[in-house]
Amino acid sequence: MSKHAPHTPIQNPVEGLKTAMLERARKLAEEHLSQGKLSRQKILQDAREKVHLMEQKELLLAKSLSERAYLRKIQASEIQMQAELDRNRWGLIQTVMEKVQHHLLQLQQDESAYHKVFLTQFKQAAALFEESALTAYINQQDHQRYAASWESLCSEVTSKTVSLSSNSISCSGGIKLTSNAGDIMLDNTFEGLLSRQQEQLQKIIFERLFATVDGTGGLLHG
């Protein structure tokens, strides 16, 4: 009696293919899940970095805006303080100028001191004219002082012929000379001197008060 080999079941090709497909699908799904996790982690990391950068930019912007606002306040405060200092300085200068004017008024009342100043102003003004015949204008108070002795006073001052106008002028002191034709005039009154030397006087006053501006000169110099 012959022996037969053991019976081996024949696998169904369809079932094998199905199993292989399922296994392949499982592997692909696992790969996709793994890649998905990596992508998710990368997306989250990128998002966190972007948020961090945005926060840094916002902080820097806020800091910059805050610093600018602070600087604007400082600048505004400095401008306001400088304006206040300028007003105070100008007020002090004006006060000193008023005292100078008051001193000139007081000088006019000191007949002896004023007479010396008047002669000096007269002499300096007359020397600047080429004409030999001039007309003088003085205030009413000086008319009362000098009208009667005008010729002798003129001889002390100049060799030129200087006629005294009968019309007095409004000034606190000093003299105004014109050519007889009236085309040349020199104002050596106190007001004329102050007007011509106002800028220089202010520089001198500023220098004395604040020691920041150089200036030299005097009120009644030639």
C-alpha atoms as a PDB file:
ATOM      1  CA  MET A   1       0.000   0.000   0.000  1.00  0.00           C
ATOM      2  CA  SER A   2       1.507   3.298  -1.095  1.00  0.00           C
ATOM      3  CA  LYS A   3       2.042   6.271   1.310  1.00  0.00           C
ATOM      4  CA  HIS A   4       0.781   9.802   0.468  1.00  0.00           C
ATOM      5  CA  ALA A   5       2.446  13.183   1.538  1.00  0.00           C
ATOM      6  CA  PRO A   6       0.642  15.185   4.225  1.00  0.00           C
ATOM      7  CA  HIS A   7      -2.052  17.483   2.870  1.00  0.00           C
ATOM      8  CA  THR A   8      -1.074  21.253   2.754  1.00  0.00           C
ATOM      9  CA  PRO A   9      -3.923  23.680   2.417  1.00  0.00           C
ATOM     10  CA  ILE A  10      -3.607  25.978  -0.589  1.00  0.00           C
ATOM     11  CA  GLN A  11      -3.858  29.670   0.395  1.00  0.00           C
ATOM     12  CA  ASN A  12      -6.480  31.672  -1.383  1.00  0.00           C
ATOM     13  CA  PRO A  13      -4.667  34.272  -3.561  1.00  0.00           C
ATOM     14  CA  VAL A  14      -7.379  36.789  -2.953  1.00  0.00           C
ATOM     15  CA  GLU A  15      -7.061  36.506   0.803  1.00  0.00           C
ATOM     16  CA  GLY A  16      -3.279  36.893   0.573  1.00  0.00           C
ATOM     17  CA  LEU A  17      -3.591  39.986  -1.530  1.00  0.00           C
ATOM     18  CA  LYS A  18      -6.155  41.401   0.867  1.00  0.00           C
ATOM     19  CA  THR A  19      -3.894  40.757   3.823  1.00  0.00           C
ATOM     20  CA  ALA A  20      -0.933  42.386   2.069  1.00  0.00           C
ATOM     21  CA  MET A  21      -3.022  45.396   1.166  1.00  0.00           C
ATOM     22  CA  LEU A  22      -4.237  45.775   4.744  1.00  0.00           C
ATOM     23  CA  GLU A  23      -0.698  45.507   6.055  1.00  0.00           C
ATOM     24  CA  ARG A  24       0.499  48.083   3.553  1.00  0.00           C
ATOM     25  CA  ALA A  25      -2.355  50.373   4.464  1.00  0.00           C
ATOM     26  CA  ARG A  26      -1.530  49.995   8.154  1.00  0.00           C
ATOM     27  CA  LYS A  27       2.105  50.892   7.534  1.00  0.00           C
ATOM     28  CA  LEU A  28       1.158  53.882   5.397  1.00  0.00           C
ATOM     29  CA  ALA A  29      -1.270  55.047   8.064  1.00  0.00           C
ATOM     30  CA  GLU A  30       1.406  54.770  10.716  1.00  0.00           C
ATOM     31  CA  GLU A  31       3.839  56.677   8.508  1.00  0.00           C
ATOM     32  CA  HIS A  32       1.268  59.373   7.858  1.00  0.00           C
ATOM     33  CA  LEU A  33       0.484  59.589  11.566  1.00  0.00           C
ATOM     34  CA  SER A  34       4.162  59.889  12.379  1.00  0.00           C
ATOM     35  CA  GLN A  35       4.676  62.537   9.701  1.00  0.00           C
ATOM     36  CA  GLY A  36       1.541  64.280  10.886  1.00  0.00           C
ATOM     37  CA  LYS A  37       2.860  64.420  14.436  1.00  0.00           C
ATOM     38  CA  LEU A  38       6.187  65.816  13.191  1.00  0.00           C
ATOM     39  CA  SER A  39       4.391  68.367  11.023  1.00  0.00           C
ATOM     40  CA  ARG A  40       2.121  69.340  13.906  1.00  0.00           C
ATOM     41  CA  GLN A  41       5.118  69.753  16.194  1.00  0.00           C
ATOM     42  CA  LYS A  42       6.891  71.851  13.570  1.00  0.00           C
ATOM     43  CA  ILE A  43       3.779  73.988  12.987  1.00  0.00           C
ATOM     44  CA  LEU A  44       3.377  74.524  16.723  1.00  0.00           C
ATOM     45  CA  GLN A  45       7.075  75.351  17.097  1.00  0.00           C
ATOM     46  CA  ASP A  46       6.917  77.807  14.180  1.00  0.00           C
ATOM     47  CA  ALA A  47       3.773  79.356  15.651  1.00  0.00           C
ATOM     48  CA  ARG A  48       5.409  79.725  19.049  1.00  0.00           C
ATOM     49  CA  GLU A  49       8.472  81.330  17.443  1.00  0.00           C
ATOM     50  CA  LYS A  50       6.273  83.707  15.437  1.00  0.00           C
ATOM     51  CA  VAL A  51       4.302  84.634  18.555  1.00  0.00           C
ATOM     52  CA  HIS A  52       7.571  85.196  20.423  1.00  0.00           C
ATOM     53  CA  LEU A  53       8.905  87.381  17.608  1.00  0.00           C
ATOM     54  CA  MET A  54       5.652  89.330  17.498  1.00  0.00           C
ATOM     55  CA  GLU A  55       5.787  89.821  21.252  1.00  0.00           C
ATOM     56  CA  GLN A  56       9.396  91.016  20.994  1.00  0.00           C
ATOM     57  CA  LYS A  57       8.499  93.410  18.162  1.00  0.00           C
ATOM     58  CA  GLU A  58       5.524  94.722  20.119  1.00  0.00           C
ATOM     59  CA  LEU A  59       7.685  95.181  23.200  1.00  0.00           C
ATOM     60  CA  LEU A  60      10.371  96.946  21.165  1.00  0.00           C
ATOM     61  CA  LEU A  61       7.744  99.118  19.477  1.00  0.00           C
ATOM     62  CA  ALA A  62       6.113  99.934  22.800  1.00  0.00           C
ATOM     63  CA  LYS A  63       9.532 100.720  24.267  1.00  0.00           C
ATOM     64  CA  SER A  64      10.428 102.882  21.265  1.00  0.00           C
ATOM     65  CA  LEU A  65       7.097 104.713  21.420  1.00  0.00           C
ATOM     66  CA  SER A  66       7.506 105.183  25.158  1.00  0.00           C
ATOM     67  CA  GLU A  67      11.036 106.525  24.717  1.00  0.00           C
ATOM     68  CA  ARG A  68       9.878 108.872  21.953  1.00  0.00           C
ATOM     69  CA  ALA A  69       7.014 110.107  24.087  1.00  0.00           C
ATOM     70  CA  TYR A  70       9.426 110.612  26.977  1.00  0.00           C
ATOM     71  CA  LEU A  71      11.900 112.480  24.752  1.00  0.00           C
ATOM     72  CA  ARG A  72       9.077 114.655  23.411  1.00  0.00           C
ATOM     73  CA  LYS A  73       8.085 115.512  26.963  1.00  0.00           C
ATOM     74  CA  ILE A  74      11.707 116.287  27.862  1.00  0.00           C
ATOM     75  CA  GLN A  75      12.136 118.442  24.746  1.00  0.00           C
ATOM     76  CA  ALA A  76       8.853 120.240  25.383  1.00  0.00           C
ATOM     77  CA  SER A  77       9.897 120.836  28.992  1.00  0.00           C
ATOM     78  CA  GLU A  78      13.312 122.131  27.876  1.00  0.00           C
ATOM     79  CA  ILE A  79      11.729 124.431  25.285  1.00  0.00           C
ATOM     80  CA  GLN A  80       9.283 125.740  27.882  1.00  0.00           C
ATOM     81  CA  MET A  81      12.088 126.232  30.406  1.00  0.00           C
ATOM     82  CA  GLN A  82      14.271 127.988  27.801  1.00  0.00           C
ATOM     83  CA  ALA A  83      11.363 130.253  26.841  1.00  0.00           C
ATOM     84  CA  GLU A  84      10.823 131.095  30.505  1.00  0.00           C
ATOM     85  CA  LEU A  85      14.540 131.815  30.956  1.00  0.00           C
ATOM     86  CA  ASP A  86      14.512 134.012  27.852  1.00  0.00           C
ATOM     87  CA  ARG A  87      11.497 135.921  29.183  1.00  0.00           C
ATOM     88  CA  ASN A  88      13.207 136.389  32.539  1.00  0.00           C
ATOM     89  CA  ARG A  89      16.449 137.486  30.897  1.00  0.00           C
ATOM     90  CA  TRP A  90      14.652 139.912  28.606  1.00  0.00           C
ATOM     91  CA  GLY A  91      12.715 141.225  31.596  1.00  0.00           C
ATOM     92  CA  LEU A  92      15.963 141.813  33.477  1.00  0.00           C
ATOM     93  CA  ILE A  93      17.504 143.547  30.452  1.00  0.00           C
ATOM     94  CA  GLN A  94      14.452 145.774  30.111  1.00  0.00           C
ATOM     95  CA  THR A  95      14.620 146.566  33.820  1.00  0.00           C
ATOM     96  CA  VAL A  96      18.264 147.591  33.513  1.00  0.00           C
ATOM     97  CA  MET A  97      17.492 149.678  30.407  1.00  0.00           C
ATOM     98  CA  GLU A  98      14.752 151.452  32.341  1.00  0.00           C
ATOM     99  CA  LYS A  99      17.232 152.134  35.134  1.00  0.00           C
ATOM    100  CA  VAL A 100      19.659 153.594  32.574  1.00  0.00           C
ATOM    101  CA  GLN A 101      16.918 155.912  31.321  1.00  0.00           C
ATOM    102  CA  HIS A 102      16.040 156.847  34.900  1.00  0.00           C
ATOM    103  CA  HIS A 103      19.718 157.592  35.564  1.00  0.00           C
ATOM    104  CA  LEU A 104      19.795 159.918  32.551  1.00  0.00           C
ATOM    105  CA  LEU A 105      16.751 161.751  33.870  1.00  0.00           C
ATOM    106  CA  GLN A 106      18.456 162.139  37.229  1.00  0.00           C
ATOM    107  CA  LEU A 107      21.636 163.298  35.477  1.00  0.00           C
ATOM    108  CA  GLN A 108      19.665 166.074  33.830  1.00  0.00           C
ATOM    109  CA  GLN A 109      18.718 167.330  37.282  1.00  0.00           C
ATOM    110  CA  ASP A 110      22.365 167.452  38.427  1.00  0.00           C
ATOM    111  CA  GLU A 111      23.326 170.701  36.706  1.00  0.00           C
ATOM    112  CA  SER A 112      27.083 170.410  37.216  1.00  0.00           C
ATOM    113  CA  ALA A 113      27.388 166.800  36.037  1.00  0.00           C
ATOM    114  CA  TYR A 114      24.903 167.308  33.224  1.00  0.00           C
ATOM    115  CA  HIS A 115      26.727 170.411  31.946  1.00  0.00           C
ATOM    116  CA  LYS A 116      29.928 168.388  31.402  1.00  0.00           C
ATOM    117  CA  VAL A 117      28.020 165.679  29.529  1.00  0.00           C
ATOM    118  CA  PHE A 118      26.140 168.273  27.455  1.00  0.00           C
ATOM    119  CA  LEU A 119      29.378 170.003  26.377  1.00  0.00           C
ATOM    120  CA  THR A 120      30.930 166.644  25.450  1.00  0.00           C
ATOM    121  CA  GLN A 121      27.921 165.666  23.340  1.00  0.00           C
ATOM    122  CA  PHE A 122      27.865 169.106  21.712  1.00  0.00           C
ATOM    123  CA  LYS A 123      31.583 168.984  20.872  1.00  0.00           C
ATOM    124  CA  GLN A 124      31.477 165.465  19.454  1.00  0.00           C
ATOM    125  CA  ALA A 125      28.454 166.229  17.273  1.00  0.00           C
ATOM    126  CA  ALA A 126      29.861 169.516  15.914  1.00  0.00           C
ATOM    127  CA  ALA A 127      33.180 167.877  15.014  1.00  0.00           C
ATOM    128  CA  LEU A 128      31.425 165.433  12.678  1.00  0.00           C
ATOM    129  CA  PHE A 129      30.102 168.196  10.395  1.00  0.00           C
ATOM    130  CA  GLU A 130      32.108 169.628   7.528  1.00  0.00           C
ATOM    131  CA  GLU A 131      29.771 172.635   7.366  1.00  0.00           C
ATOM    132  CA  SER A 132      30.836 175.690   9.344  1.00  0.00           C
ATOM    133  CA  ALA A 133      27.277 176.896  10.024  1.00  0.00           C
ATOM    134  CA  LEU A 134      24.916 174.696  12.005  1.00  0.00           C
ATOM    135  CA  THR A 135      21.640 174.841  13.898  1.00  0.00           C
ATOM    136  CA  ALA A 136      21.198 173.343  17.381  1.00  0.00           C
ATOM    137  CA  TYR A 137      18.029 171.921  18.914  1.00  0.00           C
ATOM    138  CA  ILE A 138      17.724 171.302  22.659  1.00  0.00           C
ATOM    139  CA  ASN A 139      14.893 170.668  25.107  1.00  0.00           C
ATOM    140  CA  GLN A 140      12.967 173.371  26.961  1.00  0.00           C
ATOM    141  CA  GLN A 141      14.872 172.974  30.210  1.00  0.00           C
ATOM    142  CA  ASP A 142      18.216 173.391  28.424  1.00  0.00           C
ATOM    143  CA  HIS A 143      16.807 176.449  26.635  1.00  0.00           C
ATOM    144  CA  GLN A 144      16.269 178.022  30.018  1.00  0.00           C
ATOM    145  CA  ARG A 145      19.794 177.088  31.065  1.00  0.00           C
ATOM    146  CA  TYR A 146      21.802 177.994  27.981  1.00  0.00           C
ATOM    147  CA  ALA A 147      19.872 180.447  25.771  1.00  0.00           C
ATOM    148  CA  ALA A 148      21.259 183.554  27.457  1.00  0.00           C
ATOM    149  CA  SER A 149      24.881 182.372  27.338  1.00  0.00           C
ATOM    150  CA  TRP A 150      24.689 180.400  24.087  1.00  0.00           C
ATOM    151  CA  GLU A 151      27.421 182.249  22.194  1.00  0.00           C
ATOM    152  CA  SER A 152      29.989 181.868  25.008  1.00  0.00           C
ATOM    153  CA  LEU A 153      29.022 178.200  25.426  1.00  0.00           C
ATOM    154  CA  CYS A 154      29.522 177.584  21.703  1.00  0.00           C
ATOM    155  CA  SER A 155      32.973 179.175  21.813  1.00  0.00           C
ATOM    156  CA  GLU A 156      33.984 176.590  24.462  1.00  0.00           C
ATOM    157  CA  VAL A 157      32.941 173.768  22.194  1.00  0.00           C
ATOM    158  CA  THR A 158      33.648 174.624  18.565  1.00  0.00           C
ATOM    159  CA  SER A 159      34.912 177.260  16.184  1.00  0.00           C
ATOM    160  CA  LYS A 160      31.879 176.762  13.994  1.00  0.00           C
ATOM    161  CA  THR A 161      28.868 179.037  14.026  1.00  0.00           C
ATOM    162  CA  VAL A 162      26.001 177.235  15.758  1.00  0.00           C
ATOM    163  CA  SER A 163      22.639 178.968  15.951  1.00  0.00           C
ATOM    164  CA  LEU A 164      20.212 177.918  18.646  1.00  0.00           C
ATOM    165  CA  SER A 165      16.758 177.142  17.313  1.00  0.00           C
ATOM    166  CA  SER A 166      13.908 178.822  19.154  1.00  0.00           C
ATOM    167  CA  ASN A 167      11.933 175.589  18.855  1.00  0.00           C
ATOM    168  CA  SER A 168      12.643 173.206  21.703  1.00  0.00           C
ATOM    169  CA  ILE A 169      12.561 169.443  21.138  1.00  0.00           C
ATOM    170  CA  SER A 170      11.203 166.632  23.286  1.00  0.00           C
ATOM    171  CA  CYS A 171      14.108 164.748  24.855  1.00  0.00           C
ATOM    172  CA  SER A 172      15.557 164.082  28.282  1.00  0.00           C
ATOM    173  CA  GLY A 173      18.850 165.793  27.483  1.00  0.00           C
ATOM    174  CA  GLY A 174      21.631 166.225  24.955  1.00  0.00           C
ATOM    175  CA  ILE A 175      21.642 168.056  21.638  1.00  0.00           C
ATOM    176  CA  LYS A 176      20.588 167.633  18.032  1.00  0.00           C
ATOM    177  CA  LEU A 177      22.552 169.411  15.290  1.00  0.00           C
ATOM    178  CA  THR A 178      21.600 170.000  11.650  1.00  0.00           C
ATOM    179  CA  SER A 179      23.204 171.730   8.727  1.00  0.00           C
ATOM    180  CA  ASN A 180      21.586 175.061   7.929  1.00  0.00           C
ATOM    181  CA  ALA A 181      20.175 173.522   4.760  1.00  0.00           C
ATOM    182  CA  GLY A 182      18.584 170.839   6.909  1.00  0.00           C
ATOM    183  CA  ASP A 183      19.890 167.968   4.772  1.00  0.00           C
ATOM    184  CA  ILE A 184      22.273 166.595   7.426  1.00  0.00           C
ATOM    185  CA  MET A 185      21.280 165.828  11.003  1.00  0.00           C
ATOM    186  CA  LEU A 186      23.023 164.248  13.983  1.00  0.00           C
ATOM    187  CA  ASP A 187      20.947 163.257  16.992  1.00  0.00           C
ATOM    188  CA  ASN A 188      23.140 163.383  20.089  1.00  0.00           C
ATOM    189  CA  THR A 189      20.237 163.543  22.515  1.00  0.00           C
ATOM    190  CA  PHE A 190      20.084 160.853  25.208  1.00  0.00           C
ATOM    191  CA  GLU A 191      17.276 159.140  23.288  1.00  0.00           C
ATOM    192  CA  GLY A 192      19.333 159.230  20.093  1.00  0.00           C
ATOM    193  CA  LEU A 193      22.315 157.718  21.876  1.00  0.00           C
ATOM    194  CA  LEU A 194      20.190 154.962  23.411  1.00  0.00           C
ATOM    195  CA  SER A 195      18.578 154.200  20.062  1.00  0.00           C
ATOM    196  CA  ARG A 196      21.913 153.915  18.228  1.00  0.00           C
ATOM    197  CA  GLN A 197      23.581 151.902  20.970  1.00  0.00           C
ATOM    198  CA  GLN A 198      20.613 149.850  22.128  1.00  0.00           C
ATOM    199  CA  GLU A 199      21.917 146.558  20.738  1.00  0.00           C
ATOM    200  CA  GLN A 200      25.383 147.150  22.135  1.00  0.00           C
ATOM    201  CA  LEU A 201      23.945 148.166  25.497  1.00  0.00           C
ATOM    202  CA  GLN A 202      21.831 145.030  25.633  1.00  0.00           C
ATOM    203  CA  LYS A 203      24.894 142.886  24.899  1.00  0.00           C
ATOM    204  CA  ILE A 204      26.817 144.616  27.679  1.00  0.00           C
ATOM    205  CA  ILE A 205      23.921 144.199  30.110  1.00  0.00           C
ATOM    206  CA  PHE A 206      23.519 140.554  29.105  1.00  0.00           C
ATOM    207  CA  GLU A 207      27.227 139.964  29.656  1.00  0.00           C
ATOM    208  CA  ARG A 208      27.147 141.539  33.101  1.00  0.00           C
ATOM    209  CA  LEU A 209      24.008 139.657  34.147  1.00  0.00           C
ATOM    210  CA  PHE A 210      24.704 136.231  32.678  1.00  0.00           C
ATOM    211  CA  ALA A 211      28.419 136.201  31.736  1.00  0.00           C
ATOM    212  CA  THR A 212      27.608 134.548  28.380  1.00  0.00           C
ATOM    213  CA  VAL A 213      27.911 137.346  25.811  1.00  0.00           C
ATOM    214  CA  ASP A 214      31.024 139.426  25.242  1.00  0.00           C
ATOM    215  CA  GLY A 215      30.496 143.144  24.939  1.00  0.00           C
ATOM    216  CA  THR A 216      32.407 146.354  25.447  1.00  0.00           C
ATOM    217  CA  GLY A 217      31.494 149.968  25.314  1.00  0.00           C
ATOM    218  CA  GLY A 218      29.858 152.679  27.280  1.00  0.00           C
ATOM    219  CA  LEU A 219      26.815 154.838  27.207  1.00  0.00           C
ATOM    220  CA  LEU A 220      28.350 158.240  26.577  1.00  0.00           C
ATOM    221  CA  HIS A 221      31.523 157.581  24.635  1.00  0.00           C
ATOM    222  CA  GLY A 222      32.817 158.995  21.364  1.00  0.00           C
END
